[in-house]
């Protein structure tokens, strides 16, 4: 009886160790925003809080300007008012989609 129990325990242990060996830890499973941002392979999303793999999606900084006058006067970011009545950057970085 002991041999059967010991054998089944050893077999269960072998199968469970194989599962653990194949499972890769998710490097972006981080709950702290600072620790997430410190990892070059992850980014923090504030709209749906969490750490996600890959680079952060591009967000045009000029979209925060809601008025045409303010938009056109922003020379720092290179903003321009469009015909769609919103403020956008004149030049987008090459990494933007």
PDB file of N, CA and C in Angstrom:
ATOM      1  N   UNK A   1       0.822  -1.198   0.000  1.00  0.00           N
ATOM      2  CA  UNK A   1       0.000   0.000   0.000  1.00  0.00           C
ATOM      3  C   UNK A   1       0.860   1.254   0.000  1.00  0.00           C
ATOM      4  N   UNK A   2       1.936   1.200   0.813  1.00  0.00           N
ATOM      5  CA  UNK A   2       2.831   2.357   0.862  1.00  0.00           C
ATOM      6  C   UNK A   2       3.487   2.603  -0.481  1.00  0.00           C
ATOM      7  N   UNK A   3       3.826   1.557  -1.182  1.00  0.00           N
ATOM      8  CA  UNK A   3       4.483   1.692  -2.487  1.00  0.00           C
ATOM      9  C   UNK A   3       3.548   2.375  -3.491  1.00  0.00           C
ATOM     10  N   UNK A   4       2.270   2.048  -3.442  1.00  0.00           N
ATOM     11  CA  UNK A   4       1.291   2.669  -4.342  1.00  0.00           C
ATOM     12  C   UNK A   4       1.152   4.156  -4.023  1.00  0.00           C
ATOM     13  N   UNK A   5       1.042   4.488  -2.747  1.00  0.00           N
ATOM     14  CA  UNK A   5       0.922   5.897  -2.350  1.00  0.00           C
ATOM     15  C   UNK A   5       2.188   6.676  -2.687  1.00  0.00           C
ATOM     16  N   UNK A   6       3.323   6.104  -2.399  1.00  0.00           N
ATOM     17  CA  UNK A   6       4.587   6.774  -2.694  1.00  0.00           C
ATOM     18  C   UNK A   6       4.772   6.941  -4.196  1.00  0.00           C
ATOM     19  N   UNK A   7       4.434   5.911  -4.955  1.00  0.00           N
ATOM     20  CA  UNK A   7       4.544   5.984  -6.412  1.00  0.00           C
ATOM     21  C   UNK A   7       3.642   7.053  -7.000  1.00  0.00           C
ATOM     22  N   UNK A   8       2.402   7.111  -6.542  1.00  0.00           N
ATOM     23  CA  UNK A   8       1.478   8.125  -7.057  1.00  0.00           C
ATOM     24  C   UNK A   8       1.908   9.523  -6.636  1.00  0.00           C
ATOM     25  N   UNK A   9       2.482   9.670  -5.446  1.00  0.00           N
ATOM     26  CA  UNK A   9       2.984  10.969  -5.000  1.00  0.00           C
ATOM     27  C   UNK A   9       4.155  11.419  -5.868  1.00  0.00           C
ATOM     28  N   UNK A  10       5.058  10.500  -6.181  1.00  0.00           N
ATOM     29  CA  UNK A  10       6.224  10.833  -7.016  1.00  0.00           C
ATOM     30  C   UNK A  10       5.777  11.203  -8.424  1.00  0.00           C
ATOM     31  N   UNK A  11       4.826  10.472  -8.968  1.00  0.00           N
ATOM     32  CA  UNK A  11       4.323  10.787 -10.309  1.00  0.00           C
ATOM     33  C   UNK A  11       3.647  12.159 -10.321  1.00  0.00           C
ATOM     34  N   UNK A  12       2.855  12.439  -9.306  1.00  0.00           N
ATOM     35  CA  UNK A  12       2.202  13.753  -9.218  1.00  0.00           C
ATOM     36  C   UNK A  12       3.240  14.862  -9.086  1.00  0.00           C
ATOM     37  N   UNK A  13       4.282  14.616  -8.325  1.00  0.00           N
ATOM     38  CA  UNK A  13       5.345  15.601  -8.152  1.00  0.00           C
ATOM     39  C   UNK A  13       6.086  15.856  -9.460  1.00  0.00           C
ATOM     40  N   UNK A  14       6.336  14.826 -10.228  1.00  0.00           N
ATOM     41  CA  UNK A  14       7.017  14.975 -11.512  1.00  0.00           C
ATOM     42  C   UNK A  14       6.178  15.780 -12.495  1.00  0.00           C
ATOM     43  N   UNK A  15       4.875  15.485 -12.553  1.00  0.00           N
ATOM     44  CA  UNK A  15       4.009  16.236 -13.462  1.00  0.00           C
ATOM     45  C   UNK A  15       3.888  17.702 -13.058  1.00  0.00           C
ATOM     46  N   UNK A  16       3.799  17.966 -11.790  1.00  0.00           N
ATOM     47  CA  UNK A  16       3.667  19.352 -11.350  1.00  0.00           C
ATOM     48  C   UNK A  16       4.954  20.126 -11.580  1.00  0.00           C
ATOM     49  N   UNK A  17       6.101  19.500 -11.452  1.00  0.00           N
ATOM     50  CA  UNK A  17       7.364  20.207 -11.695  1.00  0.00           C
ATOM     51  C   UNK A  17       7.531  20.518 -13.175  1.00  0.00           C
ATOM     52  N   UNK A  18       7.021  19.669 -14.072  1.00  0.00           N
ATOM     53  CA  UNK A  18       7.082  19.955 -15.497  1.00  0.00           C
ATOM     54  C   UNK A  18       6.225  21.150 -15.845  1.00  0.00           C
ATOM     55  N   UNK A  19       5.067  21.258 -15.245  1.00  0.00           N
ATOM     56  CA  UNK A  19       4.180  22.392 -15.503  1.00  0.00           C
ATOM     57  C   UNK A  19       4.849  23.677 -15.044  1.00  0.00           C
ATOM     58  N   UNK A  20       5.472  23.667 -13.884  1.00  0.00           N
ATOM     59  CA  UNK A  20       6.146  24.865 -13.383  1.00  0.00           C
ATOM     60  C   UNK A  20       7.347  25.227 -14.237  1.00  0.00           C
ATOM     61  N   UNK A  21       8.054  24.258 -14.779  1.00  0.00           N
ATOM     62  CA  UNK A  21       9.224  24.533 -15.598  1.00  0.00           C
ATOM     63  C   UNK A  21       8.826  25.191 -16.913  1.00  0.00           C
ATOM     64  N   UNK A  22       7.656  24.831 -17.457  1.00  0.00           N
ATOM     65  CA  UNK A  22       7.228  25.391 -18.729  1.00  0.00           C
ATOM     66  C   UNK A  22       6.583  26.762 -18.586  1.00  0.00           C
ATOM     67  N   UNK A  23       6.011  27.063 -17.460  1.00  0.00           N
ATOM     68  CA  UNK A  23       5.325  28.346 -17.264  1.00  0.00           C
ATOM     69  C   UNK A  23       6.356  29.456 -17.076  1.00  0.00           C
ATOM     70  N   UNK A  24       6.273  30.483 -17.926  1.00  0.00           N
ATOM     71  CA  UNK A  24       7.180  31.621 -17.828  1.00  0.00           C
ATOM     72  C   UNK A  24       6.503  32.720 -17.017  1.00  0.00           C
ATOM     73  N   UNK A  25       7.203  33.313 -16.083  1.00  0.00           N
ATOM     74  CA  UNK A  25       6.582  34.393 -15.316  1.00  0.00           C
ATOM     75  C   UNK A  25       6.383  35.622 -16.203  1.00  0.00           C
ATOM     76  N   UNK A  26       5.256  36.266 -16.067  1.00  0.00           N
ATOM     77  CA  UNK A  26       4.957  37.473 -16.833  1.00  0.00           C
ATOM     78  C   UNK A  26       5.711  38.633 -16.200  1.00  0.00           C
ATOM     79  N   UNK A  27       6.664  39.186 -16.936  1.00  0.00           N
ATOM     80  CA  UNK A  27       7.502  40.230 -16.360  1.00  0.00           C
ATOM     81  C   UNK A  27       6.763  41.548 -16.151  1.00  0.00           C
ATOM     82  N   UNK A  28       5.588  41.694 -16.714  1.00  0.00           N
ATOM     83  CA  UNK A  28       4.820  42.926 -16.532  1.00  0.00           C
ATOM     84  C   UNK A  28       3.676  42.762 -15.534  1.00  0.00           C
ATOM     85  N   UNK A  29       3.678  41.693 -14.778  1.00  0.00           N
ATOM     86  CA  UNK A  29       2.678  41.511 -13.722  1.00  0.00           C
ATOM     87  C   UNK A  29       3.141  42.250 -12.480  1.00  0.00           C
ATOM     88  N   UNK A  30       3.167  43.579 -12.606  1.00  0.00           N
ATOM     89  CA  UNK A  30       3.659  44.450 -11.545  1.00  0.00           C
ATOM     90  C   UNK A  30       2.518  45.351 -11.131  1.00  0.00           C
ATOM     91  N   UNK A  31       2.302  45.489  -9.852  1.00  0.00           N
ATOM     92  CA  UNK A  31       1.189  46.319  -9.371  1.00  0.00           C
ATOM     93  C   UNK A  31       1.624  47.732  -9.009  1.00  0.00           C
ATOM     94  N   UNK A  32       2.909  48.000  -9.015  1.00  0.00           N
ATOM     95  CA  UNK A  32       3.437  49.310  -8.644  1.00  0.00           C
ATOM     96  C   UNK A  32       3.836  50.062  -9.914  1.00  0.00           C
ATOM     97  N   UNK A  33       3.329  51.284 -10.086  1.00  0.00           N
ATOM     98  CA  UNK A  33       3.593  52.032 -11.312  1.00  0.00           C
ATOM     99  C   UNK A  33       5.074  52.370 -11.485  1.00  0.00           C
ATOM    100  N   UNK A  34       5.762  52.716 -10.417  1.00  0.00           N
ATOM    101  CA  UNK A  34       7.184  53.054 -10.527  1.00  0.00           C
ATOM    102  C   UNK A  34       8.012  51.837 -10.927  1.00  0.00           C
ATOM    103  N   UNK A  35       7.706  50.690 -10.346  1.00  0.00           N
ATOM    104  CA  UNK A  35       8.433  49.468 -10.705  1.00  0.00           C
ATOM    105  C   UNK A  35       8.130  49.070 -12.145  1.00  0.00           C
ATOM    106  N   UNK A  36       6.897  49.300 -12.577  1.00  0.00           N
ATOM    107  CA  UNK A  36       6.516  48.991 -13.953  1.00  0.00           C
ATOM    108  C   UNK A  36       7.280  49.875 -14.929  1.00  0.00           C
ATOM    109  N   UNK A  37       7.340  51.170 -14.646  1.00  0.00           N
ATOM    110  CA  UNK A  37       8.029  52.098 -15.534  1.00  0.00           C
ATOM    111  C   UNK A  37       9.537  51.869 -15.559  1.00  0.00           C
ATOM    112  N   UNK A  38      10.075  51.271 -14.508  1.00  0.00           N
ATOM    113  CA  UNK A  38      11.503  50.966 -14.459  1.00  0.00           C
ATOM    114  C   UNK A  38      11.858  49.806 -15.389  1.00  0.00           C
ATOM    115  N   UNK A  39      10.863  48.991 -15.739  1.00  0.00           N
ATOM    116  CA  UNK A  39      11.100  47.868 -16.644  1.00  0.00           C
ATOM    117  C   UNK A  39      10.934  48.360 -18.077  1.00  0.00           C
ATOM    118  N   UNK A  40      11.992  48.273 -18.869  1.00  0.00           N
ATOM    119  CA  UNK A  40      11.956  48.805 -20.238  1.00  0.00           C
ATOM    120  C   UNK A  40      11.003  48.050 -21.161  1.00  0.00           C
ATOM    121  N   UNK A  41      10.573  46.853 -20.771  1.00  0.00           N
ATOM    122  CA  UNK A  41       9.683  46.055 -21.606  1.00  0.00           C
ATOM    123  C   UNK A  41       8.207  46.245 -21.260  1.00  0.00           C
ATOM    124  N   UNK A  42       7.908  47.162 -20.323  1.00  0.00           N
ATOM    125  CA  UNK A  42       6.529  47.358 -19.862  1.00  0.00           C
ATOM    126  C   UNK A  42       6.164  48.846 -19.870  1.00  0.00           C
ATOM    127  N   UNK A  43       4.884  49.117 -19.816  1.00  0.00           N
ATOM    128  CA  UNK A  43       4.396  50.492 -19.665  1.00  0.00           C
ATOM    129  C   UNK A  43       3.196  50.493 -18.728  1.00  0.00           C
ATOM    130  N   UNK A  44       2.974  51.628 -18.068  1.00  0.00           N
ATOM    131  CA  UNK A  44       1.853  51.794 -17.141  1.00  0.00           C
ATOM    132  C   UNK A  44       0.743  52.555 -17.851  1.00  0.00           C
ATOM    133  N   UNK A  45      -0.470  52.053 -17.749  1.00  0.00           N
ATOM    134  CA  UNK A  45      -1.625  52.721 -18.347  1.00  0.00           C
ATOM    135  C   UNK A  45      -2.474  53.291 -17.227  1.00  0.00           C
ATOM    136  N   UNK A  46      -2.604  54.605 -17.188  1.00  0.00           N
ATOM    137  CA  UNK A  46      -3.359  55.271 -16.129  1.00  0.00           C
ATOM    138  C   UNK A  46      -4.858  55.249 -16.356  1.00  0.00           C
ATOM    139  N   UNK A  47      -5.311  55.077 -17.604  1.00  0.00           N
ATOM    140  CA  UNK A  47      -6.743  55.057 -17.869  1.00  0.00           C
ATOM    141  C   UNK A  47      -7.382  53.764 -17.393  1.00  0.00           C
ATOM    142  N   UNK A  48      -6.687  52.675 -17.537  1.00  0.00           N
ATOM    143  CA  UNK A  48      -7.117  51.385 -16.969  1.00  0.00           C
ATOM    144  C   UNK A  48      -5.913  50.864 -16.192  1.00  0.00           C
ATOM    145  N   UNK A  49      -5.751  51.349 -14.948  1.00  0.00           N
ATOM    146  CA  UNK A  49      -4.526  51.123 -14.189  1.00  0.00           C
ATOM    147  C   UNK A  49      -4.015  49.692 -14.230  1.00  0.00           C
ATOM    148  N   UNK A  50      -2.770  49.617 -14.624  1.00  0.00           N
ATOM    149  CA  UNK A  50      -2.115  48.323 -14.700  1.00  0.00           C
ATOM    150  C   UNK A  50      -0.840  48.417 -15.498  1.00  0.00           C
ATOM    151  N   UNK A  51      -0.006  47.405 -15.370  1.00  0.00           N
ATOM    152  CA  UNK A  51       1.261  47.323 -16.077  1.00  0.00           C
ATOM    153  C   UNK A  51       1.070  46.393 -17.271  1.00  0.00           C
ATOM    154  N   UNK A  52       1.414  46.861 -18.463  1.00  0.00           N
ATOM    155  CA  UNK A  52       1.184  46.105 -19.679  1.00  0.00           C
ATOM    156  C   UNK A  52       2.480  45.954 -20.466  1.00  0.00           C
ATOM    157  N   UNK A  53       2.633  44.848 -21.209  1.00  0.00           N
ATOM    158  CA  UNK A  53       3.860  44.642 -21.982  1.00  0.00           C
ATOM    159  C   UNK A  53       3.948  45.579 -23.179  1.00  0.00           C
ATOM    160  N   UNK A  54       5.171  45.873 -23.573  1.00  0.00           N
ATOM    161  CA  UNK A  54       5.424  46.694 -24.749  1.00  0.00           C
ATOM    162  C   UNK A  54       5.467  48.179 -24.432  1.00  0.00           C
ATOM    163  N   UNK A  55       5.764  48.975 -25.455  1.00  0.00           N
ATOM    164  CA  UNK A  55       5.814  50.425 -25.252  1.00  0.00           C
ATOM    165  C   UNK A  55       4.410  51.017 -25.113  1.00  0.00           C
ATOM    166  N   UNK A  56       4.339  52.160 -24.476  1.00  0.00           N
ATOM    167  CA  UNK A  56       3.050  52.841 -24.303  1.00  0.00           C
ATOM    168  C   UNK A  56       2.568  53.366 -25.657  1.00  0.00           C
ATOM    169  N   UNK A  57       1.260  53.329 -25.912  1.00  0.00           N
ATOM    170  CA  UNK A  57       0.743  53.875 -27.171  1.00  0.00           C
ATOM    171  C   UNK A  57       0.942  55.388 -27.216  1.00  0.00           C
ATOM    172  N   UNK A  58       1.143  55.905 -28.416  1.00  0.00           N
ATOM    173  CA  UNK A  58       1.369  57.335 -28.599  1.00  0.00           C
ATOM    174  C   UNK A  58       0.088  58.122 -28.331  1.00  0.00           C
ATOM    175  N   UNK A  59       0.208  59.182 -27.542  1.00  0.00           N
ATOM    176  CA  UNK A  59      -0.891  60.103 -27.283  1.00  0.00           C
ATOM    177  C   UNK A  59      -0.386  61.501 -27.643  1.00  0.00           C
ATOM    178  N   UNK A  60      -1.073  62.134 -28.560  1.00  0.00           N
ATOM    179  CA  UNK A  60      -0.673  63.463 -29.014  1.00  0.00           C
ATOM    180  C   UNK A  60      -0.817  64.466 -27.873  1.00  0.00           C
ATOM    181  N   UNK A  61       0.274  65.124 -27.455  1.00  0.00           N
ATOM    182  CA  UNK A  61       0.188  66.066 -26.336  1.00  0.00           C
ATOM    183  C   UNK A  61      -0.643  67.307 -26.654  1.00  0.00           C
ATOM    184  N   UNK A  62      -0.835  67.611 -27.924  1.00  0.00           N
ATOM    185  CA  UNK A  62      -1.606  68.793 -28.297  1.00  0.00           C
ATOM    186  C   UNK A  62      -3.111  68.602 -28.115  1.00  0.00           C
ATOM    187  N   UNK A  63      -3.561  67.371 -27.966  1.00  0.00           N
ATOM    188  CA  UNK A  63      -4.990  67.115 -27.796  1.00  0.00           C
ATOM    189  C   UNK A  63      -5.553  67.738 -26.523  1.00  0.00           C
ATOM    190  N   UNK A  64      -4.676  68.097 -25.588  1.00  0.00           N
ATOM    191  CA  UNK A  64      -5.157  68.699 -24.341  1.00  0.00           C
ATOM    192  C   UNK A  64      -5.631  70.136 -24.542  1.00  0.00           C
ATOM    193  N   UNK A  65      -5.216  70.780 -25.633  1.00  0.00           N
ATOM    194  CA  UNK A  65      -5.669  72.155 -25.924  1.00  0.00           C
ATOM    195  C   UNK A  65      -7.050  72.100 -26.554  1.00  0.00           C
ATOM    196  N   UNK A  66      -7.991  72.798 -25.946  1.00  0.00           N
ATOM    197  CA  UNK A  66      -9.364  72.762 -26.457  1.00  0.00           C
ATOM    198  C   UNK A  66      -9.742  74.004 -27.260  1.00  0.00           C
ATOM    199  N   UNK A  67      -8.947  75.060 -27.169  1.00  0.00           N
ATOM    200  CA  UNK A  67      -9.259  76.281 -27.899  1.00  0.00           C
ATOM    201  C   UNK A  67      -8.271  76.538 -29.019  1.00  0.00           C
ATOM    202  N   UNK A  68      -8.762  77.120 -30.112  1.00  0.00           N
ATOM    203  CA  UNK A  68      -7.920  77.382 -31.286  1.00  0.00           C
ATOM    204  C   UNK A  68      -6.800  78.363 -30.975  1.00  0.00           C
ATOM    205  N   UNK A  69      -7.098  79.401 -30.208  1.00  0.00           N
ATOM    206  CA  UNK A  69      -6.103  80.419 -29.891  1.00  0.00           C
ATOM    207  C   UNK A  69      -4.949  79.836 -29.068  1.00  0.00           C
ATOM    208  N   UNK A  70      -5.288  79.058 -28.065  1.00  0.00           N
ATOM    209  CA  UNK A  70      -4.254  78.437 -27.223  1.00  0.00           C
ATOM    210  C   UNK A  70      -3.450  77.438 -28.046  1.00  0.00           C
ATOM    211  N   UNK A  71      -4.131  76.679 -28.876  1.00  0.00           N
ATOM    212  CA  UNK A  71      -3.464  75.668 -29.695  1.00  0.00           C
ATOM    213  C   UNK A  71      -2.435  76.307 -30.623  1.00  0.00           C
ATOM    214  N   UNK A  72      -2.831  77.320 -31.339  1.00  0.00           N
ATOM    215  CA  UNK A  72      -1.930  77.958 -32.306  1.00  0.00           C
ATOM    216  C   UNK A  72      -0.794  78.722 -31.638  1.00  0.00           C
ATOM    217  N   UNK A  73      -0.966  79.105 -30.366  1.00  0.00           N
ATOM    218  CA  UNK A  73       0.102  79.838 -29.683  1.00  0.00           C
ATOM    219  C   UNK A  73       1.124  78.911 -29.019  1.00  0.00           C
ATOM    220  N   UNK A  74       0.887  77.632 -29.032  1.00  0.00           N
ATOM    221  CA  UNK A  74       1.811  76.675 -28.409  1.00  0.00           C
ATOM    222  C   UNK A  74       2.937  76.327 -29.383  1.00  0.00           C
ATOM    223  N   UNK A  75       4.068  77.012 -29.226  1.00  0.00           N
ATOM    224  CA  UNK A  75       5.225  76.769 -30.087  1.00  0.00           C
ATOM    225  C   UNK A  75       6.113  75.659 -29.538  1.00  0.00           C
ATOM    226  N   UNK A  76       5.966  75.339 -28.271  1.00  0.00           N
ATOM    227  CA  UNK A  76       6.804  74.326 -27.635  1.00  0.00           C
ATOM    228  C   UNK A  76       6.524  72.943 -28.207  1.00  0.00           C
ATOM    229  N   UNK A  77       5.267  72.582 -28.307  1.00  0.00           N
ATOM    230  CA  UNK A  77       4.889  71.261 -28.798  1.00  0.00           C
ATOM    231  C   UNK A  77       4.667  71.227 -30.307  1.00  0.00           C
ATOM    232  N   UNK A  78       4.621  72.370 -30.940  1.00  0.00           N
ATOM    233  CA  UNK A  78       4.378  72.421 -32.382  1.00  0.00           C
ATOM    234  C   UNK A  78       2.949  72.055 -32.731  1.00  0.00           C
ATOM    235  N   UNK A  79       1.993  72.698 -32.049  1.00  0.00           N
ATOM    236  CA  UNK A  79       0.578  72.380 -32.244  1.00  0.00           C
ATOM    237  C   UNK A  79      -0.034  73.230 -33.355  1.00  0.00           C
ATOM    238  N   UNK A  80      -1.079  72.686 -33.968  1.00  0.00           N
ATOM    239  CA  UNK A  80      -1.821  73.407 -35.001  1.00  0.00           C
ATOM    240  C   UNK A  80      -3.284  73.008 -34.929  1.00  0.00           C
ATOM    241  N   UNK A  81      -4.169  73.997 -35.162  1.00  0.00           N
ATOM    242  CA  UNK A  81      -5.608  73.753 -35.152  1.00  0.00           C
ATOM    243  C   UNK A  81      -5.997  73.177 -36.508  1.00  0.00           C
ATOM    244  N   UNK A  82      -6.760  72.087 -36.508  1.00  0.00           N
ATOM    245  CA  UNK A  82      -7.121  71.427 -37.760  1.00  0.00           C
ATOM    246  C   UNK A  82      -8.525  71.813 -38.203  1.00  0.00           C
ATOM    247  N   UNK A  83      -8.878  71.412 -39.421  1.00  0.00           N
ATOM    248  CA  UNK A  83     -10.222  71.692 -39.932  1.00  0.00           C
ATOM    249  C   UNK A  83     -11.275  70.885 -39.186  1.00  0.00           C
ATOM    250  N   UNK A  84     -10.852  69.814 -38.507  1.00  0.00           N
ATOM    251  CA  UNK A  84     -11.773  69.007 -37.703  1.00  0.00           C
ATOM    252  C   UNK A  84     -12.020  69.651 -36.341  1.00  0.00           C
ATOM    253  N   UNK A  85     -11.509  70.869 -36.155  1.00  0.00           N
ATOM    254  CA  UNK A  85     -11.664  71.659 -34.928  1.00  0.00           C
ATOM    255  C   UNK A  85     -11.095  70.932 -33.704  1.00  0.00           C
ATOM    256  N   UNK A  86      -9.873  70.464 -33.874  1.00  0.00           N
ATOM    257  CA  UNK A  86      -9.139  69.920 -32.738  1.00  0.00           C
ATOM    258  C   UNK A  86      -7.662  70.247 -32.926  1.00  0.00           C
ATOM    259  N   UNK A  87      -6.945  70.215 -31.835  1.00  0.00           N
ATOM    260  CA  UNK A  87      -5.540  70.577 -31.831  1.00  0.00           C
ATOM    261  C   UNK A  87      -4.688  69.313 -31.989  1.00  0.00           C
ATOM    262  N   UNK A  88      -3.747  69.337 -32.943  1.00  0.00           N
ATOM    263  CA  UNK A  88      -2.860  68.203 -33.186  1.00  0.00           C
ATOM    264  C   UNK A  88      -1.437  68.695 -33.408  1.00  0.00           C
ATOM    265  N   UNK A  89      -0.491  67.814 -33.196  1.00  0.00           N
ATOM    266  CA  UNK A  89       0.906  68.132 -33.459  1.00  0.00           C
ATOM    267  C   UNK A  89       1.141  68.226 -34.961  1.00  0.00           C
ATOM    268  N   UNK A  90       1.971  69.168 -35.347  1.00  0.00           N
ATOM    269  CA  UNK A  90       2.292  69.298 -36.772  1.00  0.00           C
ATOM    270  C   UNK A  90       3.142  68.112 -37.229  1.00  0.00           C
ATOM    271  N   UNK A  91       4.046  67.675 -36.376  1.00  0.00           N
ATOM    272  CA  UNK A  91       4.935  66.554 -36.702  1.00  0.00           C
ATOM    273  C   UNK A  91       4.804  65.494 -35.625  1.00  0.00           C
ATOM    274  N   UNK A  92       4.494  64.269 -36.039  1.00  0.00           N
ATOM    275  CA  UNK A  92       4.408  63.160 -35.093  1.00  0.00           C
ATOM    276  C   UNK A  92       5.748  62.425 -35.077  1.00  0.00           C
ATOM    277  N   UNK A  93       6.122  61.897 -33.927  1.00  0.00           N
ATOM    278  CA  UNK A  93       7.365  61.134 -33.879  1.00  0.00           C
ATOM    279  C   UNK A  93       7.277  59.884 -34.732  1.00  0.00           C
ATOM    280  N   UNK A  94       8.425  59.381 -35.160  1.00  0.00           N
ATOM    281  CA  UNK A  94       8.441  58.208 -36.043  1.00  0.00           C
ATOM    282  C   UNK A  94       7.913  56.959 -35.357  1.00  0.00           C
ATOM    283  N   UNK A  95       7.921  56.950 -34.005  1.00  0.00           N
ATOM    284  CA  UNK A  95       7.423  55.780 -33.283  1.00  0.00           C
ATOM    285  C   UNK A  95       5.901  55.765 -33.173  1.00  0.00           C
ATOM    286  N   UNK A  96       5.244  56.868 -33.550  1.00  0.00           N
ATOM    287  CA  UNK A  96       3.773  56.932 -33.463  1.00  0.00           C
ATOM    288  C   UNK A  96       3.152  56.120 -34.560  1.00  0.00           C
ATOM    289  N   UNK A  97       2.028  55.479 -34.251  1.00  0.00           N
ATOM    290  CA  UNK A  97       1.319  54.667 -35.243  1.00  0.00           C
ATOM    291  C   UNK A  97       0.402  55.518 -36.068  1.00  0.00           C
TER     292      UNK A  97
END
